[in-house]
């Protein structure tokens, strides 16, 4: 390595892959602990003759030959280093000082030093020998096998939520009309999606971890992935604890909907026109965050995934099988699959796009949403930080208590709230439910309201709908004309809105008389009031 390169490392300072040791006259034990930790992590540069602050102090030139010999000898001593490593120091002169440099590559096996196992974290070496969880994660990093493919031969169809299969087929066919899953049996679909397989190494045959995560009952999921949970927190007023919290432990398919609804509940959804179409930029951002936190996490660990919504940012964290470390540069980014079976499945049902598109989408839509750029940091914990800018949060939890409880009409809302609510479906539920006519809405809302003719029982009475309700109803017209009745789930697939948004739209349209309903709860259906 050249003197210029060493000087650059000294200027950057110690970190995950750089360590300085003074060691003027002899090696100390910490040298070999660092070699072990670098071997177990991402590799790194070890430089002797440098203070912790990066200043060259120099190695004694007379001691350097013996230090180099001892280094090579101890790395081949199984009582000191196991497995043996074949490394040597090279001499480099910087600022008139003799330094010794060695690059420590990543080992394909778990490395130990004096019978202890060390791992690297930021700028330190840590003994993890007594932590079964950290050693298990280290083993996963060293392995080339994806943990989603572990086969559980005693898992049966009774352990799965087969009621989700028809929904999955509809979603796949909705995306690709001639999708091969359309006419498959349940088992044919599981095998086609790689969820049922035979392990060629062990001969085990059955459902793998990916199948159970996607379709498993909650108690079965906890058996195959004990640490699986997604913790959602709203921290706006009470930043030490939380204003709202949701723990999600259900299968990945239903978790997607629940997490999307949590983000929708607590963040604003401003109006954007892209190619003359009203686009929910917030939904695009949420989709990328949720699909990443569900599909690209490492399920062998016990670290819970988290979504934290604060005043200025949305942060997502999940346990990760990292091949690199540090911030992801979108212009120089090589994606790699963390769980390829789960990733392909989410692409098939429209919950995710192709590999690598998530980073590009987050860059594009975050700039539109808040004017900022997302921050993606890869490590044992993968972290995504989305700046929210002026658009955060508009849930009832953020309104003053006296506003949410005592203001039945929008003309009494604070100006700040009214200015940020361009359409009525953005009002807090408690407020929106008590606004039957648009003359009580802010002018900005009333301007966007339209009339929609009522039923044949009152043909001359116009129904006042907001622009959002009108657009939602128009998106269902083709389906309602052909099939008459529509369910909440069908409306979601057509409009691509979250479950909570669809429920509110359908409920409001029924309350205003634009739709009529039948059935209860999940069996409820809707049709146009004037259907003939």
Protein backbone atom coordinates (compact mmCIF):
# COMPACT_ATOMS: atom_id res chain seq x y z
CA UNK A 1 0.00 0.00 0.00
CA UNK A 2 1.31 3.48 -0.88
CA UNK A 3 2.17 6.20 1.58
CA UNK A 4 -0.62 8.37 0.11
CA UNK A 5 -3.22 5.72 0.78
CA UNK A 6 -2.03 5.30 4.37
CA UNK A 7 -2.18 9.07 4.89
CA UNK A 8 -5.77 9.07 3.67
CA UNK A 9 -6.68 6.33 6.18
CA UNK A 10 -4.99 8.30 8.97
CA UNK A 11 -6.96 11.40 8.02
CA UNK A 12 -10.28 9.51 8.05
CA UNK A 13 -9.59 8.03 11.48
CA UNK A 14 -10.51 4.75 13.13
CA UNK A 15 -13.76 3.09 12.20
CA UNK A 16 -15.42 -0.18 11.39
CA UNK A 17 -12.63 -1.16 8.99
CA UNK A 18 -9.63 0.84 10.27
CA UNK A 19 -7.68 0.38 13.54
CA UNK A 20 -4.54 2.15 14.83
CA UNK A 21 -2.08 0.69 17.37
CA UNK A 22 0.98 2.46 18.79
CA UNK A 23 3.08 -0.73 19.37
CA UNK A 24 6.41 1.04 19.16
CA UNK A 25 8.61 -1.86 20.29
CA UNK A 26 6.38 -4.96 20.48
CA UNK A 27 2.97 -6.38 19.70
CA UNK A 28 0.25 -6.44 22.32
CA UNK A 29 -2.72 -8.82 22.67
CA UNK A 30 -5.19 -6.28 21.28
CA UNK A 31 -3.49 -6.60 17.86
CA UNK A 32 -4.72 -10.19 17.54
CA UNK A 33 -8.17 -9.34 18.89
CA UNK A 34 -8.49 -6.78 16.09
CA UNK A 35 -7.34 -9.32 13.51
CA UNK A 36 -10.04 -11.68 14.80
CA UNK A 37 -12.80 -9.05 14.75
CA UNK A 38 -11.88 -7.83 11.25
CA UNK A 39 -11.91 -11.44 10.02
CA UNK A 40 -15.38 -11.95 11.48
CA UNK A 41 -16.80 -8.70 10.12
CA UNK A 42 -15.99 -6.98 6.79
CA UNK A 43 -12.18 -7.05 6.90
CA UNK A 44 -10.07 -3.98 7.60
CA UNK A 45 -6.76 -2.09 7.77
CA UNK A 46 -4.51 -2.58 10.82
CA UNK A 47 -1.77 0.08 11.13
CA UNK A 48 0.95 -0.04 13.79
CA UNK A 49 2.96 2.99 14.91
CA UNK A 50 -0.04 5.35 15.06
CA UNK A 51 -1.79 6.93 18.06
CA UNK A 52 -5.55 6.56 18.55
CA UNK A 53 -5.98 10.06 17.19
CA UNK A 54 -4.25 9.18 13.90
CA UNK A 55 -0.88 10.81 14.52
CA UNK A 56 2.16 8.80 13.32
CA UNK A 57 4.48 7.99 16.26
CA UNK A 58 6.46 5.38 14.39
CA UNK A 59 7.58 1.80 15.03
CA UNK A 60 11.13 1.34 16.28
CA UNK A 61 13.03 0.30 13.11
CA UNK A 62 15.20 -2.07 15.15
CA UNK A 63 12.13 -3.83 16.62
CA UNK A 64 10.16 -3.99 13.35
CA UNK A 65 11.69 -7.25 11.97
CA UNK A 66 10.94 -9.16 15.18
CA UNK A 67 7.42 -7.71 15.37
CA UNK A 68 6.73 -8.86 11.80
CA UNK A 69 8.05 -12.33 12.57
CA UNK A 70 5.98 -12.63 15.79
CA UNK A 71 2.85 -11.48 13.94
CA UNK A 72 3.14 -14.22 11.29
CA UNK A 73 4.07 -16.81 13.91
CA UNK A 74 1.16 -16.13 16.26
CA UNK A 75 -1.36 -16.19 13.40
CA UNK A 76 -0.22 -19.74 12.69
CA UNK A 77 -0.36 -20.82 16.33
CA UNK A 78 -3.70 -22.63 16.88
CA UNK A 79 -3.60 -21.80 20.59
CA UNK A 80 -3.61 -18.11 19.70
CA UNK A 81 -5.49 -17.91 16.39
CA UNK A 82 -7.98 -20.42 15.00
CA UNK A 83 -8.27 -21.17 12.15
CA UNK A 84 -4.74 -20.17 11.12
CA UNK A 85 -4.26 -17.03 9.04
CA UNK A 86 -1.46 -16.29 6.58
CA UNK A 87 -0.85 -12.54 6.84
CA UNK A 88 2.18 -10.27 6.93
CA UNK A 89 2.96 -6.64 7.75
CA UNK A 90 4.35 -4.34 5.09
CA UNK A 91 6.54 -1.35 5.94
CA UNK A 92 5.37 2.14 4.93
CA UNK A 93 7.02 5.48 5.72
CA UNK A 94 4.75 8.43 6.53
CA UNK A 95 6.04 11.82 7.72
CA UNK A 96 9.45 10.31 8.34
CA UNK A 97 7.99 7.58 10.59
CA UNK A 98 8.06 3.84 9.98
CA UNK A 99 4.56 2.29 10.07
CA UNK A 100 3.50 -1.36 9.72
CA UNK A 101 0.34 -2.04 7.73
CA UNK A 102 -1.66 -5.24 7.18
CA UNK A 103 -4.99 -5.70 5.43
CA UNK A 104 -7.12 -8.34 7.18
CA UNK A 105 -9.57 -10.03 4.77
CA UNK A 106 -12.93 -11.49 5.74
CA UNK A 107 -12.65 -15.14 6.81
CA UNK A 108 -15.09 -17.74 5.51
CA UNK A 109 -15.14 -19.29 9.00
CA UNK A 110 -15.73 -17.96 12.48
CA UNK A 111 -12.39 -16.71 13.76
CA UNK A 112 -11.24 -16.93 17.40
CA UNK A 113 -8.37 -15.45 19.40
CA UNK A 114 -7.09 -17.27 22.49
CA UNK A 115 -10.31 -19.24 22.56
CA UNK A 116 -12.52 -16.10 22.45
CA UNK A 117 -14.64 -14.81 19.56
CA UNK A 118 -14.43 -11.10 18.70
CA UNK A 119 -16.60 -9.00 16.41
CA UNK A 120 -16.16 -5.45 15.15
CA UNK A 121 -18.56 -2.64 16.00
CA UNK A 122 -17.77 0.89 14.85
CA UNK A 123 -14.20 1.48 16.13
CA UNK A 124 -13.93 -1.27 18.73
CA UNK A 125 -13.39 -5.01 19.13
CA UNK A 126 -16.00 -6.77 21.26
CA UNK A 127 -15.91 -10.20 22.87
CA UNK A 128 -19.16 -11.96 21.88
CA UNK A 129 -18.18 -15.44 23.08
CA UNK A 130 -20.96 -15.61 25.67
CA UNK A 131 -23.70 -14.21 23.44
CA UNK A 132 -25.43 -17.07 21.65
CA UNK A 133 -27.56 -14.61 19.67
CA UNK A 134 -24.61 -12.62 18.30
CA UNK A 135 -22.69 -15.80 17.46
CA UNK A 136 -25.76 -17.19 15.67
CA UNK A 137 -25.98 -14.01 13.61
CA UNK A 138 -22.25 -14.21 12.88
CA UNK A 139 -22.79 -17.77 11.66
CA UNK A 140 -25.55 -16.58 9.35
CA UNK A 141 -23.23 -13.92 7.91
CA UNK A 142 -20.57 -16.56 7.24
CA UNK A 143 -23.08 -18.88 5.60
CA UNK A 144 -24.09 -18.60 1.97
CA UNK A 145 -27.46 -20.17 2.73
CA UNK A 146 -30.61 -18.08 3.04
CA UNK A 147 -32.43 -18.72 6.32
CA UNK A 148 -35.80 -18.29 4.57
CA UNK A 149 -35.14 -21.69 2.92
CA UNK A 150 -34.83 -23.73 6.10
CA UNK A 151 -37.29 -26.63 5.75
CA UNK A 152 -39.68 -27.60 8.54
CA UNK A 153 -40.76 -31.16 7.63
CA UNK A 154 -43.40 -31.39 10.37
CA UNK A 155 -45.29 -28.26 9.27
CA UNK A 156 -48.57 -29.13 7.52
CA UNK A 157 -51.34 -27.34 5.67
CA UNK A 158 -53.18 -27.05 8.99
CA UNK A 159 -50.42 -24.71 10.17
CA UNK A 160 -51.11 -22.28 7.31
CA UNK A 161 -53.82 -19.70 6.65
CA UNK A 162 -55.22 -21.23 3.48
CA UNK A 163 -57.94 -18.57 3.43
CA UNK A 164 -55.25 -16.18 2.16
CA UNK A 165 -54.58 -18.21 -0.99
CA UNK A 166 -57.61 -16.96 -3.01
CA UNK A 167 -56.68 -13.38 -2.13
CA UNK A 168 -53.09 -13.96 -3.27
CA UNK A 169 -54.32 -15.39 -6.57
CA UNK A 170 -56.57 -12.37 -7.18
CA UNK A 171 -53.71 -10.00 -6.48
CA UNK A 172 -51.37 -11.84 -8.84
CA UNK A 173 -54.00 -12.03 -11.60
CA UNK A 174 -54.87 -8.37 -11.06
CA UNK A 175 -51.28 -7.56 -11.85
CA UNK A 176 -50.80 -10.10 -14.67
CA UNK A 177 -54.14 -11.34 -16.12
CA UNK A 178 -52.73 -14.68 -17.30
CA UNK A 179 -50.65 -15.30 -14.19
CA UNK A 180 -49.79 -19.03 -13.86
CA UNK A 181 -51.05 -19.10 -10.25
CA UNK A 182 -54.60 -18.45 -11.48
CA UNK A 183 -55.61 -22.07 -12.02
CA UNK A 184 -53.20 -23.80 -9.63
CA UNK A 185 -54.20 -25.78 -6.57
CA UNK A 186 -52.90 -24.58 -3.22
CA UNK A 187 -50.00 -27.06 -3.19
CA UNK A 188 -49.13 -26.29 -6.82
CA UNK A 189 -48.92 -22.60 -5.93
CA UNK A 190 -46.74 -23.28 -2.88
CA UNK A 191 -44.32 -25.37 -4.93
CA UNK A 192 -44.30 -22.91 -7.83
CA UNK A 193 -43.48 -20.03 -5.46
CA UNK A 194 -40.61 -22.00 -3.85
CA UNK A 195 -42.44 -22.30 -0.53
CA UNK A 196 -42.43 -26.11 -0.49
CA UNK A 197 -39.16 -27.81 -1.34
CA UNK A 198 -36.74 -30.63 -0.69
CA UNK A 199 -33.43 -29.73 0.97
CA UNK A 200 -30.80 -31.37 -1.23
CA UNK A 201 -28.27 -31.45 1.63
CA UNK A 202 -30.40 -33.11 4.30
CA UNK A 203 -33.19 -34.78 2.30
CA UNK A 204 -35.82 -32.93 4.36
CA UNK A 205 -38.98 -32.07 2.46
CA UNK A 206 -41.73 -29.67 3.46
CA UNK A 207 -42.74 -26.04 3.89
CA UNK A 208 -39.84 -23.66 4.43
CA UNK A 209 -39.58 -20.63 6.70
CA UNK A 210 -40.69 -18.33 3.87
CA UNK A 211 -43.98 -20.25 3.52
CA UNK A 212 -44.73 -20.01 7.23
CA UNK A 213 -43.85 -16.30 7.37
CA UNK A 214 -46.21 -15.61 4.45
CA UNK A 215 -49.12 -17.89 5.33
CA UNK A 216 -48.49 -19.25 8.84
CA UNK A 217 -50.73 -18.91 11.84
CA UNK A 218 -49.27 -16.58 14.46
CA UNK A 219 -48.37 -19.33 16.92
CA UNK A 220 -46.54 -21.25 14.17
CA UNK A 221 -44.67 -18.13 13.01
CA UNK A 222 -43.38 -17.59 16.54
CA UNK A 223 -42.00 -21.14 16.58
CA UNK A 224 -39.96 -20.78 13.37
CA UNK A 225 -39.00 -17.09 13.89
CA UNK A 226 -39.17 -16.37 17.66
CA UNK A 227 -37.98 -12.79 17.27
CA UNK A 228 -40.47 -11.87 14.56
CA UNK A 229 -42.40 -8.70 15.42
CA UNK A 230 -42.72 -5.23 13.93
CA UNK A 231 -43.03 -2.44 16.47
CA UNK A 232 -44.71 0.76 15.21
CA UNK A 233 -44.37 3.95 17.26
CA UNK A 234 -45.67 7.50 16.91
CA UNK A 235 -43.40 9.92 18.80
CA UNK A 236 -44.58 13.48 18.30
CA UNK A 237 -45.62 14.76 21.72
CA UNK A 238 -44.17 12.10 23.99
CA UNK A 239 -40.77 11.48 22.41
CA UNK A 240 -39.46 9.53 25.42
CA UNK A 241 -42.17 6.87 25.04
CA UNK A 242 -44.86 7.18 22.38
CA UNK A 243 -48.20 8.76 21.47
CA UNK A 244 -49.43 5.66 19.66
CA UNK A 245 -48.08 2.14 19.40
CA UNK A 246 -48.85 -0.98 17.39
CA UNK A 247 -47.10 -4.37 17.58
CA UNK A 248 -47.60 -6.50 14.47
CA UNK A 249 -46.98 -10.25 14.69
CA UNK A 250 -49.25 -11.64 11.98
CA UNK A 251 -48.18 -13.13 8.64
CA UNK A 252 -46.30 -10.98 6.11
CA UNK A 253 -49.28 -10.65 3.76
CA UNK A 254 -51.59 -9.13 6.35
CA UNK A 255 -48.72 -7.27 8.06
CA UNK A 256 -48.22 -5.28 4.86
CA UNK A 257 -51.76 -3.86 5.09
CA UNK A 258 -51.54 -3.12 8.81
CA UNK A 259 -48.22 -1.29 8.52
CA UNK A 260 -49.40 0.72 5.52
CA UNK A 261 -52.45 1.80 7.52
CA UNK A 262 -50.32 2.86 10.49
CA UNK A 263 -48.20 5.12 8.29
CA UNK A 264 -51.32 6.47 6.56
CA UNK A 265 -52.94 7.20 9.92
CA UNK A 266 -50.08 9.35 11.17
CA UNK A 267 -48.65 11.14 8.13
CA UNK A 268 -50.06 13.64 5.69
CA UNK A 269 -50.90 12.79 2.07
CA UNK A 270 -50.58 16.03 0.08
CA UNK A 271 -51.98 16.43 -3.42
CA UNK A 272 -49.56 15.73 -6.29
CA UNK A 273 -50.17 15.65 -10.04
CA UNK A 274 -47.76 13.44 -12.00
CA UNK A 275 -48.46 13.14 -15.75
CA UNK A 276 -51.88 14.71 -15.04
CA UNK A 277 -52.75 11.96 -12.55
CA UNK A 278 -53.37 12.43 -8.84
CA UNK A 279 -50.63 10.34 -7.23
CA UNK A 280 -50.30 9.46 -3.55
CA UNK A 281 -46.59 10.05 -3.09
CA UNK A 282 -46.93 9.13 0.58
CA UNK A 283 -48.30 5.69 -0.38
CA UNK A 284 -45.37 5.06 -2.73
CA UNK A 285 -42.89 5.89 0.04
CA UNK A 286 -44.78 3.76 2.57
CA UNK A 287 -44.90 0.82 0.16
CA UNK A 288 -41.11 0.81 -0.24
CA UNK A 289 -40.51 1.11 3.50
CA UNK A 290 -42.98 -1.62 4.44
CA UNK A 291 -41.92 -4.09 1.76
CA UNK A 292 -38.26 -3.63 2.71
CA UNK A 293 -38.85 -4.07 6.43
CA UNK A 294 -40.86 -7.25 5.82
CA UNK A 295 -38.94 -8.93 3.01
CA UNK A 296 -35.32 -7.86 3.37
CA UNK A 297 -34.87 -8.51 7.07
CA UNK A 298 -32.96 -11.36 8.70
CA UNK A 299 -35.48 -13.54 10.54
CA UNK A 300 -32.95 -15.60 12.49
CA UNK A 301 -32.28 -12.74 14.95
CA UNK A 302 -34.42 -11.46 17.81
CA UNK A 303 -34.07 -7.73 17.08
CA UNK A 304 -37.60 -6.39 16.43
CA UNK A 305 -38.19 -4.40 13.28
CA UNK A 306 -39.35 -0.86 14.00
CA UNK A 307 -41.19 1.97 12.27
CA UNK A 308 -40.90 5.22 14.21
CA UNK A 309 -42.79 8.33 13.08
CA UNK A 310 -41.51 11.55 14.64
CA UNK A 311 -42.03 15.25 14.08
CA UNK A 312 -39.43 15.54 11.34
CA UNK A 313 -38.74 12.04 10.06
CA UNK A 314 -39.91 8.48 9.61
CA UNK A 315 -37.31 5.89 10.62
CA UNK A 316 -37.45 2.18 9.79
CA UNK A 317 -35.04 -0.38 11.28
CA UNK A 318 -34.67 -4.11 10.77
CA UNK A 319 -32.13 -6.84 11.54
CA UNK A 320 -30.05 -7.36 8.44
CA UNK A 321 -27.66 -9.76 6.76
CA UNK A 322 -25.16 -7.17 5.59
CA UNK A 323 -22.52 -7.70 2.95
CA UNK A 324 -21.45 -4.05 3.08
CA UNK A 325 -21.46 -1.31 5.67
CA UNK A 326 -22.34 2.35 5.59
CA UNK A 327 -24.62 4.67 3.66
CA UNK A 328 -25.99 3.45 0.35
CA UNK A 329 -25.10 5.62 -2.63
CA UNK A 330 -27.97 5.40 -5.15
CA UNK A 331 -25.57 6.25 -7.98
CA UNK A 332 -23.19 3.43 -7.07
CA UNK A 333 -25.45 0.75 -5.65
CA UNK A 334 -25.36 -2.96 -6.39
CA UNK A 335 -28.50 -4.62 -4.95
CA UNK A 336 -28.41 -8.18 -3.69
CA UNK A 337 -31.29 -10.34 -2.46
CA UNK A 338 -31.62 -10.88 1.30
CA UNK A 339 -34.59 -13.27 0.95
CA UNK A 340 -35.10 -13.97 -2.77
CA UNK A 341 -38.15 -16.25 -2.30
CA UNK A 342 -40.01 -13.64 -0.25
CA UNK A 343 -38.91 -10.87 -2.61
CA UNK A 344 -40.23 -12.71 -5.68
CA UNK A 345 -43.51 -13.44 -3.92
CA UNK A 346 -44.05 -9.77 -3.04
CA UNK A 347 -43.30 -8.79 -6.64
CA UNK A 348 -45.87 -11.32 -7.89
CA UNK A 349 -48.66 -9.87 -5.74
CA UNK A 350 -47.71 -6.25 -6.40
CA UNK A 351 -46.38 -5.43 -2.93
CA UNK A 352 -42.88 -4.73 -4.29
CA UNK A 353 -41.11 -3.91 -7.53
CA UNK A 354 -38.01 -5.47 -9.01
CA UNK A 355 -34.78 -5.80 -7.00
CA UNK A 356 -33.03 -2.47 -6.56
CA UNK A 357 -36.01 -0.31 -7.59
CA UNK A 358 -36.83 0.53 -3.96
CA UNK A 359 -33.79 2.78 -3.52
CA UNK A 360 -34.57 4.66 -6.73
CA UNK A 361 -38.25 5.02 -5.83
CA UNK A 362 -37.46 6.33 -2.36
CA UNK A 363 -35.10 8.93 -3.83
CA UNK A 364 -37.69 10.04 -6.37
CA UNK A 365 -40.75 10.23 -4.12
CA UNK A 366 -39.05 11.59 -0.99
CA UNK A 367 -37.80 14.59 -2.96
CA UNK A 368 -41.37 15.23 -4.10
CA UNK A 369 -42.86 14.67 -0.66
CA UNK A 370 -40.58 16.76 1.54
CA UNK A 371 -37.88 18.21 -0.67
CA UNK A 372 -35.26 16.10 1.14
CA UNK A 373 -33.44 12.88 0.38
CA UNK A 374 -33.79 9.53 2.15
CA UNK A 375 -30.88 8.10 4.09
CA UNK A 376 -30.26 4.36 3.82
CA UNK A 377 -27.63 2.88 6.12
CA UNK A 378 -26.57 -0.76 5.79
CA UNK A 379 -25.16 -2.72 8.70
CA UNK A 380 -26.32 -5.40 11.12
CA UNK A 381 -29.31 -3.10 11.49
CA UNK A 382 -30.57 -1.68 8.21
CA UNK A 383 -31.89 1.81 8.78
CA UNK A 384 -34.02 3.97 6.49
CA UNK A 385 -34.58 7.63 7.38
CA UNK A 386 -37.25 9.58 5.47
CA UNK A 387 -37.41 13.36 6.12
CA UNK A 388 -41.04 14.40 6.44
CA UNK A 389 -40.60 18.13 6.02
CA UNK A 390 -43.74 20.23 6.49
CA UNK A 391 -46.15 17.37 5.80
CA UNK A 392 -46.08 15.58 9.17
CA UNK A 393 -48.32 14.34 11.03
CA UNK A 394 -52.03 15.17 10.78
CA UNK A 395 -53.68 12.48 12.88
CA UNK A 396 -56.23 13.31 15.55
CA UNK A 397 -53.50 12.51 18.08
CA UNK A 398 -51.74 15.69 16.94
CA UNK A 399 -54.71 18.04 17.25
CA UNK A 400 -55.23 19.90 20.54
CA UNK A 401 -57.70 18.01 22.72
CA UNK A 402 -60.19 20.87 22.65
CA UNK A 403 -60.15 20.86 18.85
CA UNK A 404 -60.72 17.13 18.41
CA UNK A 405 -63.39 16.93 21.10
CA UNK A 406 -65.30 20.19 20.84
CA UNK A 407 -65.26 21.38 17.23
CA UNK A 408 -68.01 19.67 15.20
CA UNK A 409 -67.66 21.93 12.16
CA UNK A 410 -64.67 22.78 10.03
CA UNK A 411 -65.23 26.55 10.19
CA UNK A 412 -64.10 26.35 13.82
CA UNK A 413 -60.87 24.56 13.05
CA UNK A 414 -57.62 26.47 13.62
CA UNK A 415 -56.36 28.19 10.48
CA UNK A 416 -53.22 26.02 10.48
CA UNK A 417 -55.32 22.88 10.28
CA UNK A 418 -57.74 24.23 7.69
CA UNK A 419 -54.93 25.42 5.41
CA UNK A 420 -53.43 21.95 5.32
CA UNK A 421 -56.64 20.08 4.55
CA UNK A 422 -57.37 20.54 0.83
CA UNK A 423 -60.01 17.80 0.71
CA UNK A 424 -62.52 16.64 3.29
CA UNK A 425 -61.22 13.10 3.63
CA UNK A 426 -58.10 14.57 5.23
CA UNK A 427 -60.11 15.87 8.22
CA UNK A 428 -59.90 13.95 11.50
CA UNK A 429 -62.55 11.23 11.51
CA UNK A 430 -64.34 12.78 14.47
CA UNK A 431 -64.61 16.08 12.61
CA UNK A 432 -65.35 14.67 9.16
CA UNK A 433 -68.21 12.51 10.46
CA UNK A 434 -69.98 15.63 11.71
CA UNK A 435 -69.75 17.64 8.50
CA UNK A 436 -72.79 16.64 6.40
CA UNK A 437 -72.70 19.68 4.09
CA UNK A 438 -69.84 21.42 2.33
CA UNK A 439 -70.94 24.99 3.16
CA UNK A 440 -69.33 24.39 6.57
CA UNK A 441 -66.02 23.32 5.10
CA UNK A 442 -63.11 25.70 4.48
CA UNK A 443 -63.37 27.52 1.14
CA UNK A 444 -60.49 25.44 -0.25
CA UNK A 445 -62.53 22.31 0.41
CA UNK A 446 -65.83 23.66 -0.83
CA UNK A 447 -64.25 24.72 -4.11
CA UNK A 448 -63.32 21.11 -4.79
CA UNK A 449 -66.77 19.70 -3.90
CA UNK A 450 -69.12 18.44 -6.58
CA UNK A 451 -72.74 17.38 -6.75
CA UNK A 452 -73.69 13.78 -7.25
CA UNK A 453 -77.34 13.02 -7.95
CA UNK A 454 -79.16 11.10 -5.27
CA UNK A 455 -81.41 8.08 -5.51
CA UNK A 456 -84.64 7.77 -7.42
CA UNK A 457 -86.53 8.52 -4.19
CA UNK A 458 -85.16 12.06 -4.16
CA UNK A 459 -83.94 12.75 -7.71
CA UNK A 460 -83.67 16.52 -7.26
CA UNK A 461 -81.62 16.42 -4.08
CA UNK A 462 -77.90 16.67 -4.84
CA UNK A 463 -75.45 14.75 -2.74
CA UNK A 464 -72.41 16.78 -1.74
CA UNK A 465 -69.23 14.80 -2.30
CA UNK A 466 -65.67 15.93 -1.95
CA UNK A 467 -63.30 15.74 -4.89
CA UNK A 468 -61.58 12.77 -3.27
CA UNK A 469 -64.87 10.90 -2.80
CA UNK A 470 -65.88 11.66 -6.38
CA UNK A 471 -62.58 10.38 -7.76
CA UNK A 472 -62.84 7.27 -5.60
CA UNK A 473 -66.39 6.56 -6.79
CA UNK A 474 -65.46 7.13 -10.42
CA UNK A 475 -62.61 4.61 -10.12
CA UNK A 476 -65.22 1.98 -9.15
CA UNK A 477 -67.76 2.82 -11.88
CA UNK A 478 -66.58 0.24 -14.41
CA UNK A 479 -66.63 -2.59 -11.86
CA UNK A 480 -70.00 -1.56 -10.37
CA UNK A 481 -71.57 -1.35 -13.82
CA UNK A 482 -70.57 -4.93 -14.60
CA UNK A 483 -70.83 -6.71 -11.24
CA UNK A 484 -73.24 -4.47 -9.24
CA UNK A 485 -71.88 -5.31 -5.73
CA UNK A 486 -68.33 -4.69 -4.51
CA UNK A 487 -66.52 -5.60 -1.28
CA UNK A 488 -63.93 -3.64 0.66
CA UNK A 489 -61.16 -5.98 -0.52
CA UNK A 490 -62.20 -5.65 -4.19
CA UNK A 491 -62.29 -1.86 -3.87
CA UNK A 492 -58.80 -1.91 -2.41
CA UNK A 493 -57.41 -3.90 -5.32
CA UNK A 494 -59.03 -1.56 -7.86
CA UNK A 495 -58.05 1.76 -6.22
CA UNK A 496 -54.73 0.57 -4.71
CA UNK A 497 -55.53 2.48 -1.52
CA UNK A 498 -54.98 1.26 2.02
CA UNK A 499 -57.65 -0.72 3.83
CA UNK A 500 -58.36 2.14 6.24
CA UNK A 501 -58.79 4.68 3.41
CA UNK A 502 -61.13 2.39 1.46
CA UNK A 503 -63.26 1.73 4.54
CA UNK A 504 -63.62 5.46 5.19
CA UNK A 505 -64.52 6.24 1.58
CA UNK A 506 -67.11 3.48 1.37
CA UNK A 507 -68.61 4.38 4.74
CA UNK A 508 -68.84 8.09 3.88
CA UNK A 509 -70.33 7.39 0.45
CA UNK A 510 -72.94 5.12 2.03
CA UNK A 511 -73.73 7.70 4.74
CA UNK A 512 -74.18 10.39 2.10
CA UNK A 513 -76.45 8.19 -0.01
CA UNK A 514 -74.18 7.70 -3.03
CA UNK A 515 -73.89 3.98 -2.21
CA UNK A 516 -76.06 1.47 -0.42
CA UNK A 517 -74.72 -1.43 1.60
CA UNK A 518 -75.72 -4.89 2.75
CA UNK A 519 -74.17 -7.40 5.14
CA UNK A 520 -72.07 -6.84 8.23
CA UNK A 521 -68.37 -6.37 8.96
CA UNK A 522 -66.12 -8.30 6.52
CA UNK A 523 -69.15 -9.56 4.58
CA UNK A 524 -70.42 -6.04 3.83
CA UNK A 525 -70.94 -5.16 0.15
CA UNK A 526 -71.73 -1.88 -1.61
CA UNK A 527 -73.44 -0.84 -4.84
CA UNK A 528 -74.59 2.41 -6.42
CA UNK A 529 -77.74 3.77 -4.84
CA UNK A 530 -79.43 4.22 -8.22
CA UNK A 531 -78.40 0.82 -9.59
CA UNK A 532 -80.92 -0.63 -12.10
